[in-house]
N, C-alpha and C. Protein backbone atom coordinates (compact mmCIF):
# COMPACT_ATOMS: atom_id res chain seq x y z
N UNK A 1 -28.29 66.11 11.19
CA UNK A 1 -27.75 64.74 10.85
C UNK A 1 -26.13 64.80 10.67
N UNK A 2 -25.67 63.79 11.35
CA UNK A 2 -24.12 63.74 11.22
C UNK A 2 -23.76 63.11 9.74
N UNK A 3 -22.49 63.45 9.47
CA UNK A 3 -21.93 62.76 8.21
C UNK A 3 -22.16 61.32 8.13
N UNK A 4 -21.89 60.65 9.29
CA UNK A 4 -22.04 59.25 9.43
C UNK A 4 -23.41 58.70 9.16
N UNK A 5 -24.41 59.44 9.74
CA UNK A 5 -25.80 59.13 9.56
C UNK A 5 -26.19 59.19 8.20
N UNK A 6 -25.65 60.34 7.44
CA UNK A 6 -26.26 60.58 6.08
C UNK A 6 -25.80 59.55 5.12
N UNK A 7 -24.76 58.90 5.43
CA UNK A 7 -24.33 57.69 4.61
C UNK A 7 -24.57 56.31 5.09
N UNK A 8 -25.13 56.13 6.29
CA UNK A 8 -25.55 54.90 6.77
C UNK A 8 -26.71 54.50 5.84
N UNK A 9 -27.01 53.26 5.66
CA UNK A 9 -28.09 52.65 4.86
C UNK A 9 -28.99 51.97 5.77
N UNK A 10 -30.30 51.96 5.51
CA UNK A 10 -31.34 51.33 6.16
C UNK A 10 -32.26 50.53 5.24
N UNK A 11 -32.94 49.61 5.56
CA UNK A 11 -33.85 48.78 4.70
C UNK A 11 -35.22 49.45 5.00
N UNK A 12 -35.93 49.50 3.84
CA UNK A 12 -37.36 50.25 3.86
C UNK A 12 -38.21 49.36 3.11
N UNK A 13 -39.36 49.46 3.41
CA UNK A 13 -40.46 48.82 2.67
C UNK A 13 -41.59 49.86 2.12
N UNK A 14 -41.89 49.78 0.90
CA UNK A 14 -42.71 50.82 0.21
C UNK A 14 -43.90 50.37 0.02
N UNK A 15 -45.01 50.93 0.43
CA UNK A 15 -46.52 50.53 -0.04
C UNK A 15 -47.07 51.55 -0.90
N UNK A 16 -47.44 51.27 -2.02
CA UNK A 16 -48.06 52.01 -3.04
C UNK A 16 -49.62 51.81 -3.19
N UNK A 17 -50.37 53.04 -2.94
CA UNK A 17 -51.76 52.94 -3.04
C UNK A 17 -52.20 53.87 -4.43
N UNK A 18 -53.00 53.29 -5.28
CA UNK A 18 -53.48 54.02 -6.34
C UNK A 18 -54.85 54.61 -6.16
N UNK A 19 -55.20 55.47 -7.07
CA UNK A 19 -56.68 56.08 -6.84
C UNK A 19 -57.71 55.01 -7.18
N UNK A 20 -57.37 53.88 -7.87
CA UNK A 20 -58.36 53.04 -8.22
C UNK A 20 -58.49 51.93 -7.01
N UNK A 21 -57.67 52.07 -6.05
CA UNK A 21 -57.76 51.11 -4.70
C UNK A 21 -56.69 50.10 -4.92
N UNK A 22 -55.94 50.05 -5.96
CA UNK A 22 -55.00 48.89 -5.84
C UNK A 22 -53.87 49.28 -5.12
N UNK A 23 -53.19 48.30 -4.31
CA UNK A 23 -52.01 48.56 -3.66
C UNK A 23 -50.95 47.50 -3.81
N UNK A 24 -49.81 47.73 -3.66
CA UNK A 24 -48.73 46.81 -3.61
C UNK A 24 -47.72 47.25 -2.60
N UNK A 25 -47.07 46.17 -1.87
CA UNK A 25 -46.16 46.49 -0.91
C UNK A 25 -44.76 45.71 -1.48
N UNK A 26 -43.68 46.45 -1.67
CA UNK A 26 -42.41 45.98 -2.02
C UNK A 26 -41.41 46.40 -1.10
N UNK A 27 -40.37 45.39 -0.92
CA UNK A 27 -39.32 45.66 -0.09
C UNK A 27 -38.43 46.35 -0.91
N UNK A 28 -37.46 47.41 -0.27
CA UNK A 28 -36.55 48.07 -1.05
C UNK A 28 -35.22 47.76 -0.55
N UNK A 29 -34.17 47.93 -1.35
CA UNK A 29 -32.83 47.66 -0.98
C UNK A 29 -32.31 48.72 0.13
N UNK A 30 -31.34 48.53 0.89
CA UNK A 30 -30.68 49.47 1.84
C UNK A 30 -30.42 50.81 1.04
N UNK A 31 -30.96 51.70 1.70
CA UNK A 31 -30.83 53.25 1.14
C UNK A 31 -30.35 54.14 2.05
N UNK A 32 -29.60 55.17 1.68
CA UNK A 32 -29.04 56.13 2.54
C UNK A 32 -30.28 57.20 2.61
N UNK A 33 -30.40 57.97 3.57
CA UNK A 33 -31.31 59.10 3.76
C UNK A 33 -31.49 59.75 2.32
N UNK A 34 -30.39 60.16 1.73
CA UNK A 34 -30.46 60.74 0.54
C UNK A 34 -31.07 59.91 -0.68
N UNK A 35 -30.87 58.77 -0.61
CA UNK A 35 -31.43 57.98 -1.76
C UNK A 35 -32.86 57.73 -1.41
N UNK A 36 -33.39 57.64 -0.28
CA UNK A 36 -34.93 57.47 0.07
C UNK A 36 -35.40 58.82 -0.44
N UNK A 37 -34.71 59.89 -0.11
CA UNK A 37 -35.43 61.24 -0.49
C UNK A 37 -35.65 61.41 -2.04
N UNK A 38 -34.58 60.97 -2.55
CA UNK A 38 -34.47 60.87 -4.19
C UNK A 38 -35.63 60.06 -4.67
N UNK A 39 -35.92 58.89 -4.01
CA UNK A 39 -36.99 58.07 -4.64
C UNK A 39 -38.25 58.69 -4.33
N UNK A 40 -38.66 59.26 -3.06
CA UNK A 40 -39.95 59.75 -2.67
C UNK A 40 -40.05 61.07 -3.45
N UNK A 41 -38.93 61.95 -3.84
CA UNK A 41 -39.33 63.19 -4.46
C UNK A 41 -39.20 63.07 -5.98
N UNK A 42 -38.37 62.25 -6.54
CA UNK A 42 -38.37 62.22 -8.04
C UNK A 42 -38.72 60.85 -8.75
N UNK A 43 -38.04 59.91 -8.19
CA UNK A 43 -38.30 58.59 -8.83
C UNK A 43 -39.65 57.98 -8.89
N UNK A 44 -40.37 58.13 -7.89
CA UNK A 44 -41.74 57.75 -7.77
C UNK A 44 -42.53 58.56 -8.54
N UNK A 45 -42.42 59.84 -8.61
CA UNK A 45 -43.27 60.71 -9.41
C UNK A 45 -42.85 60.37 -10.85
N UNK A 46 -41.69 60.11 -11.21
CA UNK A 46 -41.35 59.93 -12.58
C UNK A 46 -42.07 58.58 -13.18
N UNK A 47 -41.93 57.48 -12.33
CA UNK A 47 -42.57 56.22 -12.64
C UNK A 47 -44.07 56.47 -12.77
N UNK A 48 -44.76 57.31 -11.90
CA UNK A 48 -46.10 57.46 -11.96
C UNK A 48 -46.59 58.16 -13.28
N UNK A 49 -45.83 59.28 -13.56
CA UNK A 49 -46.09 60.05 -14.84
C UNK A 49 -45.87 58.96 -16.02
N UNK A 50 -44.70 58.26 -16.16
CA UNK A 50 -44.51 57.48 -17.22
C UNK A 50 -45.58 56.46 -17.40
N UNK A 51 -46.27 56.08 -16.31
CA UNK A 51 -47.39 55.13 -16.40
C UNK A 51 -48.66 55.77 -16.56
N UNK A 52 -48.75 57.06 -16.59
CA UNK A 52 -49.90 57.86 -16.84
C UNK A 52 -50.96 57.74 -15.65
N UNK A 53 -50.36 57.52 -14.27
CA UNK A 53 -51.21 57.31 -13.19
C UNK A 53 -51.20 58.68 -12.43
N UNK A 54 -52.33 59.00 -11.98
CA UNK A 54 -52.50 60.19 -11.09
C UNK A 54 -53.13 59.66 -9.76
N UNK A 55 -52.93 60.31 -8.68
CA UNK A 55 -53.46 60.05 -7.50
C UNK A 55 -52.62 58.98 -6.69
N UNK A 56 -51.81 58.58 -6.97
CA UNK A 56 -50.84 57.46 -6.46
C UNK A 56 -50.26 57.99 -5.12
N UNK A 57 -50.38 57.18 -4.15
CA UNK A 57 -49.62 57.53 -2.82
C UNK A 57 -48.63 56.53 -2.46
N UNK A 58 -47.62 56.87 -1.79
CA UNK A 58 -46.49 56.09 -1.36
C UNK A 58 -46.35 56.23 0.07
N UNK A 59 -46.20 55.11 0.78
CA UNK A 59 -45.85 55.02 2.17
C UNK A 59 -44.56 54.33 2.45
N UNK A 60 -43.72 54.59 3.35
CA UNK A 60 -42.40 54.18 3.39
C UNK A 60 -42.24 53.85 4.98
N UNK A 61 -41.85 52.62 5.21
CA UNK A 61 -41.44 52.09 6.53
C UNK A 61 -40.21 51.35 6.46
N UNK A 62 -39.38 51.31 7.53
CA UNK A 62 -38.34 50.46 7.74
C UNK A 62 -38.70 48.91 7.63
N UNK A 63 -37.83 48.18 6.86
CA UNK A 63 -38.13 46.82 6.54
C UNK A 63 -37.08 45.88 6.15
N UNK A 64 -37.23 44.59 5.61
CA UNK A 64 -36.17 43.81 5.19
C UNK A 64 -35.72 44.37 3.96
N UNK A 65 -34.58 43.86 3.49
CA UNK A 65 -33.87 44.38 2.29
C UNK A 65 -34.27 43.74 1.07
N UNK A 66 -34.11 44.33 -0.13
CA UNK A 66 -34.30 43.59 -1.35
C UNK A 66 -33.52 44.38 -2.40
N UNK A 67 -33.47 43.83 -3.57
CA UNK A 67 -32.64 44.69 -4.61
C UNK A 67 -33.50 45.79 -5.24
N UNK A 68 -32.75 46.93 -5.27
CA UNK A 68 -33.46 48.19 -5.63
C UNK A 68 -33.97 48.23 -7.01
N UNK A 69 -33.41 47.44 -7.92
CA UNK A 69 -33.82 47.41 -9.27
C UNK A 69 -35.19 46.45 -9.22
N UNK A 70 -35.26 45.57 -8.62
CA UNK A 70 -36.60 44.83 -8.42
C UNK A 70 -37.66 45.71 -7.90
N UNK A 71 -37.30 46.49 -7.02
CA UNK A 71 -38.32 47.54 -6.45
C UNK A 71 -38.74 48.32 -7.50
N UNK A 72 -37.78 48.94 -8.21
CA UNK A 72 -38.20 49.89 -9.41
C UNK A 72 -39.14 48.94 -10.46
N UNK A 73 -39.00 47.83 -10.68
CA UNK A 73 -39.73 47.13 -11.69
C UNK A 73 -41.13 46.83 -10.94
N UNK A 74 -41.18 46.67 -9.67
CA UNK A 74 -42.48 46.20 -8.92
C UNK A 74 -43.32 47.63 -8.91
N UNK A 75 -42.82 48.74 -8.61
CA UNK A 75 -43.41 49.92 -8.64
C UNK A 75 -44.02 50.28 -9.85
N UNK A 76 -43.07 50.11 -11.11
CA UNK A 76 -43.64 50.45 -12.40
C UNK A 76 -44.85 49.50 -12.78
N UNK A 77 -44.69 48.29 -12.54
CA UNK A 77 -45.79 47.25 -12.84
C UNK A 77 -46.99 47.73 -12.11
N UNK A 78 -47.00 47.91 -10.86
CA UNK A 78 -48.10 48.53 -10.04
C UNK A 78 -48.75 49.59 -10.60
N UNK A 79 -47.99 50.53 -11.11
CA UNK A 79 -48.52 51.94 -11.65
C UNK A 79 -49.28 51.47 -12.94
N UNK A 80 -48.38 50.84 -13.67
CA UNK A 80 -49.03 50.52 -15.15
C UNK A 80 -50.23 49.78 -15.03
N UNK A 81 -50.28 48.79 -14.08
CA UNK A 81 -51.59 48.05 -13.84
C UNK A 81 -52.75 48.86 -13.52
N UNK A 82 -52.42 49.95 -12.55
CA UNK A 82 -53.48 50.81 -12.18
C UNK A 82 -53.78 51.60 -13.20
N UNK A 83 -53.14 52.00 -14.33
CA UNK A 83 -53.58 52.81 -15.46
C UNK A 83 -54.47 51.94 -16.20
N UNK A 84 -54.11 50.76 -16.47
CA UNK A 84 -55.09 49.92 -17.30
C UNK A 84 -56.42 49.73 -16.59
N UNK A 85 -56.32 49.33 -15.32
CA UNK A 85 -57.65 49.29 -14.56
C UNK A 85 -58.36 50.52 -14.68
N UNK A 86 -57.87 51.75 -14.51
CA UNK A 86 -58.57 53.08 -14.55
C UNK A 86 -59.13 53.11 -15.93
N UNK A 87 -58.48 52.79 -17.02
CA UNK A 87 -58.91 52.82 -18.36
C UNK A 87 -60.10 51.74 -18.58
N UNK A 88 -60.10 50.72 -18.00
CA UNK A 88 -61.18 49.62 -18.13
C UNK A 88 -62.43 50.35 -17.34
N UNK A 89 -62.29 50.88 -16.30
CA UNK A 89 -63.29 51.39 -15.43
C UNK A 89 -63.92 52.65 -16.16
N UNK A 90 -63.22 53.57 -16.94
CA UNK A 90 -63.85 54.59 -17.46
C UNK A 90 -64.52 54.09 -18.86
N UNK A 91 -64.08 52.92 -19.52
CA UNK A 91 -64.79 52.39 -20.68
C UNK A 91 -66.00 51.82 -20.30
N UNK A 92 -66.22 51.18 -19.04
CA UNK A 92 -67.33 50.70 -18.55
C UNK A 92 -68.38 51.74 -18.26
N UNK A 93 -67.92 52.76 -17.93
CA UNK A 93 -68.83 54.09 -17.57
C UNK A 93 -69.43 54.55 -18.67
N UNK A 94 -68.63 54.74 -19.74
CA UNK A 94 -68.94 55.30 -21.06
C UNK A 94 -69.98 54.63 -21.85
């Protein structure tokens, strides 16, 4: 990858799927390859751990752009909702 390519930004769309079957698709701001890597390797994992969600998967595709902070709120909301849904399912089973 050339230095110019490393710093160029591209729009991405993120689809989150949880173990409970819930999914959400959110547009992501323009990101450099390093920012996208950081999101996939650390930010997503951190948000999932904070929400107490296991088994969540993320799919990334190029897409239209949106505000990165908005994306983080959407991801967090999806994962927190999945945790609540999983808790409700386990209560029904008990």
